[in-house]
Amino acid sequence: MTLKPGPRGTGDAKVPLPADGVTATPHRSMITLPHERETFARMRGTEERVADAITRSAGRMRFAYLHAVWFAGWILVNLGVFGKAAVFDPYPFGLLTMVVSLEAIFLSTFVMVSQNRQSARDNIRADIDFETNLRSEVWSAHIGRSLGLDAQQVELEVQRLVARSRTRLDGSPADPAGGLPGTPEPASLPKPA
């Protein structure tokens, strides 16, 4: 395949990629992929930031220690250890039970909000991974064609290696040749035409 000249005055030759019309120069790629964190950060609102901050702080051991001290102090005060005048929630500590229940409701809500955000983030990551894999496949096909490789022969070799790798994952005995899964032997690689 010959290189076609790029736009006048750029000095770059452009190579059209098959099927999708994406072009690249020999010196730089015109492909830009969004970064998952940047995409996700643009989607965050104030409510999500607050939910994340609360979930992050509630997930630390310091939070558990603070609660242990709080509960112990509450119980000691209301058992009358510091005098009967200090008691404000006598046994069975109904007010403490209500406060802890409300806190649990709110914390579980914040955790669910954060989990939903993590799920959305995983979806964005999966979309970006898919786009990256698709671009890699297009580039690989283009490079393979440029090198004169037979696409069907390459696909057969890939299927053979995947099957060999899967049998190892199933607990089947390793390949007698002792090669690692996904590592083709040099003799089995397709030769350029």
Protein backbone atom coordinates (compact mmCIF):
# COMPACT_ATOMS: atom_id res chain seq x y z
CA MET A 1 0.00 0.00 0.00
CA THR A 2 1.40 3.41 -0.87
CA LEU A 3 1.17 6.42 1.36
CA LYS A 4 -1.10 9.17 0.14
CA PRO A 5 -0.01 12.76 0.74
CA GLY A 6 -1.66 14.60 3.60
CA PRO A 7 -3.24 18.04 3.42
CA ARG A 8 -1.16 20.60 1.57
CA GLY A 9 1.56 22.13 3.67
CA THR A 10 1.52 19.57 6.49
CA GLY A 11 4.36 17.44 5.19
CA ASP A 12 2.71 14.37 6.72
CA ALA A 13 1.65 11.38 4.70
CA LYS A 14 -1.70 9.95 5.74
CA VAL A 15 -2.59 6.28 5.72
CA PRO A 16 -6.31 5.50 5.58
CA LEU A 17 -7.30 2.66 7.86
CA PRO A 18 -9.73 0.08 6.54
CA ALA A 19 -13.49 0.33 7.04
CA ASP A 20 -13.75 3.08 9.61
CA GLY A 21 -12.11 6.04 7.89
CA VAL A 22 -9.79 6.87 10.80
CA THR A 23 -6.48 8.24 9.62
CA ALA A 24 -3.09 8.48 11.24
CA THR A 25 0.20 10.09 10.34
CA PRO A 26 3.54 8.31 10.59
CA HIS A 27 4.62 10.80 13.28
CA ARG A 28 1.56 11.05 15.49
CA SER A 29 -1.73 9.37 15.97
CA MET A 30 -4.92 11.32 15.45
CA ILE A 31 -6.70 8.89 17.77
CA THR A 32 -7.61 10.31 21.13
CA LEU A 33 -9.20 8.20 23.82
CA PRO A 34 -11.00 9.73 26.77
CA HIS A 35 -9.57 8.98 30.16
CA GLU A 36 -12.09 7.21 32.37
CA ARG A 37 -11.42 9.41 35.41
CA GLU A 38 -11.82 12.63 33.42
CA THR A 39 -15.07 11.43 31.90
CA PHE A 40 -16.35 10.36 35.29
CA ALA A 41 -15.27 13.58 37.03
CA ARG A 42 -17.31 15.63 34.54
CA MET A 43 -20.40 13.61 35.50
CA ARG A 44 -20.07 14.19 39.26
CA GLY A 45 -22.48 16.57 40.93
CA THR A 46 -22.43 18.03 44.42
CA GLU A 47 -24.65 15.26 45.80
CA GLU A 48 -22.33 12.57 44.46
CA ARG A 49 -19.28 14.30 45.91
CA VAL A 50 -20.95 14.50 49.34
CA ALA A 51 -22.03 10.84 49.17
CA ASP A 52 -18.50 9.79 48.19
CA ALA A 53 -16.95 11.81 51.02
CA ILE A 54 -19.32 10.34 53.62
CA THR A 55 -18.82 6.80 52.33
CA ARG A 56 -15.05 7.29 52.29
CA SER A 57 -14.97 8.56 55.89
CA ALA A 58 -17.42 5.90 57.14
CA GLY A 59 -15.26 3.19 55.61
CA ARG A 60 -12.24 3.99 57.78
CA MET A 61 -11.29 2.35 61.06
CA ARG A 62 -11.24 5.78 62.69
CA PHE A 63 -15.01 5.85 62.15
CA ALA A 64 -15.38 2.50 63.96
CA TYR A 65 -13.17 3.65 66.85
CA LEU A 66 -15.14 6.89 67.19
CA HIS A 67 -18.39 4.92 67.35
CA ALA A 68 -16.99 2.50 69.93
CA VAL A 69 -16.00 5.44 72.16
CA TRP A 70 -19.35 7.16 71.55
CA PHE A 71 -21.40 4.04 72.39
CA ALA A 72 -19.30 3.22 75.46
CA GLY A 73 -19.60 6.81 76.74
CA TRP A 74 -23.36 6.90 76.06
CA ILE A 75 -23.92 3.60 77.89
CA LEU A 76 -21.70 4.54 80.84
CA VAL A 77 -23.40 7.93 81.27
CA ASN A 78 -26.87 6.40 81.04
CA LEU A 79 -26.07 3.56 83.44
CA GLY A 80 -25.44 6.25 86.05
CA VAL A 81 -21.68 5.73 86.35
CA PHE A 82 -21.18 9.53 86.40
CA GLY A 83 -24.19 10.19 88.63
CA LYS A 84 -27.95 9.89 88.30
CA ALA A 85 -28.29 13.54 87.22
CA ALA A 86 -26.34 12.84 83.99
CA VAL A 87 -28.72 10.09 82.83
CA PHE A 88 -30.78 11.21 79.80
CA ASP A 89 -31.49 7.85 78.07
CA PRO A 90 -32.04 5.14 80.70
CA TYR A 91 -31.69 1.43 79.99
CA PRO A 92 -32.68 -0.05 77.42
CA PHE A 93 -31.29 3.06 75.66
CA GLY A 94 -34.22 3.74 73.31
CA LEU A 95 -32.78 7.07 72.12
CA LEU A 96 -29.42 5.45 71.31
CA THR A 97 -31.23 2.72 69.38
CA MET A 98 -33.16 5.31 67.36
CA VAL A 99 -30.06 7.42 66.62
CA VAL A 100 -28.04 4.38 65.55
CA SER A 101 -30.92 3.14 63.36
CA LEU A 102 -31.21 6.51 61.63
CA GLU A 103 -27.46 6.62 61.12
CA ALA A 104 -27.53 3.12 59.62
CA ILE A 105 -30.32 4.12 57.22
CA PHE A 106 -28.42 7.17 56.01
CA LEU A 107 -25.08 5.38 55.77
CA SER A 108 -26.61 2.54 53.76
CA THR A 109 -28.18 5.10 51.42
CA PHE A 110 -24.83 6.82 50.91
CA VAL A 111 -23.14 3.47 50.31
CA MET A 112 -25.78 2.58 47.68
CA VAL A 113 -25.30 5.95 45.96
CA SER A 114 -21.55 5.34 45.87
CA GLN A 115 -22.07 1.81 44.55
CA ASN A 116 -24.30 3.14 41.79
CA ARG A 117 -21.62 5.64 40.89
CA GLN A 118 -19.01 2.86 40.86
CA SER A 119 -21.28 0.86 38.57
CA ALA A 120 -21.55 3.85 36.23
CA ARG A 121 -17.78 4.24 36.37
CA ASP A 122 -17.33 0.55 35.50
CA ASN A 123 -19.64 1.03 32.51
CA ILE A 124 -17.58 4.00 31.31
CA ARG A 125 -14.39 1.98 31.77
CA ALA A 126 -15.91 -0.92 29.81
CA ASP A 127 -16.92 1.43 26.98
CA ILE A 128 -13.42 2.92 26.82
CA ASP A 129 -11.86 -0.57 26.93
CA PHE A 130 -14.15 -1.68 24.11
CA GLU A 131 -13.21 1.36 22.02
CA THR A 132 -9.50 0.75 22.71
CA ASN A 133 -9.81 -2.92 21.77
CA LEU A 134 -11.72 -2.06 18.61
CA ARG A 135 -9.09 0.47 17.57
CA SER A 136 -6.33 -2.05 18.28
CA GLU A 137 -8.10 -4.64 16.16
CA VAL A 138 -8.48 -2.19 13.26
CA TRP A 139 -4.81 -1.24 13.52
CA SER A 140 -3.75 -4.89 13.73
CA ALA A 141 -5.79 -5.78 10.65
CA HIS A 142 -4.30 -2.85 8.76
CA ILE A 143 -0.74 -3.75 9.78
CA GLY A 144 -1.35 -7.42 8.96
CA ARG A 145 -2.59 -6.51 5.50
CA SER A 146 0.38 -4.21 4.98
CA LEU A 147 2.71 -7.10 5.90
CA GLY A 148 0.83 -9.44 3.58
CA LEU A 149 -0.38 -11.80 6.30
CA ASP A 150 -3.34 -14.07 5.61
CA ALA A 151 -6.11 -12.98 8.01
CA GLN A 152 -7.77 -16.41 7.99
CA GLN A 153 -4.50 -18.14 8.90
CA VAL A 154 -3.92 -15.68 11.74
CA GLU A 155 -7.47 -16.20 13.02
CA LEU A 156 -7.05 -19.99 12.97
CA GLU A 157 -3.83 -19.64 14.97
CA VAL A 158 -5.55 -17.34 17.49
CA GLN A 159 -8.43 -19.81 17.90
CA ARG A 160 -5.97 -22.65 18.44
CA LEU A 161 -4.09 -20.68 21.11
CA VAL A 162 -7.33 -19.64 22.84
CA ALA A 163 -8.53 -23.25 22.89
CA ARG A 164 -5.19 -24.38 24.33
CA SER A 165 -5.34 -21.65 26.97
CA ARG A 166 -8.92 -22.56 27.94
CA THR A 167 -8.10 -26.22 28.40
CA ARG A 168 -5.41 -25.20 30.88
CA LEU A 169 -7.83 -22.96 32.73
CA ASP A 170 -10.22 -25.93 33.02
CA GLY A 171 -7.54 -27.89 34.85
CA SER A 172 -6.51 -30.05 31.92
CA PRO A 173 -2.86 -31.07 31.76
CA ALA A 174 -0.42 -28.53 30.38
CA ASP A 175 0.69 -28.66 26.78
CA PRO A 176 3.38 -31.35 26.33
CA ALA A 177 5.60 -28.78 24.62
CA GLY A 178 5.62 -26.84 27.90
CA GLY A 179 4.86 -23.47 26.33
CA LEU A 180 2.88 -20.81 28.13
CA PRO A 181 -0.73 -20.25 27.07
CA GLY A 182 -0.95 -17.62 24.39
CA THR A 183 2.70 -18.00 23.43
CA PRO A 184 2.85 -19.37 19.89
CA GLU A 185 5.77 -21.40 18.71
CA PRO A 186 7.80 -19.50 16.10
CA ALA A 187 7.12 -22.17 13.46
CA SER A 188 3.35 -21.74 13.79
CA LEU A 189 3.28 -18.02 13.08
CA PRO A 190 1.88 -17.10 9.67
CA LYS A 191 4.50 -16.07 7.15
CA PRO A 192 4.21 -12.85 5.12
CA ALA A 193 3.06 -13.44 1.55
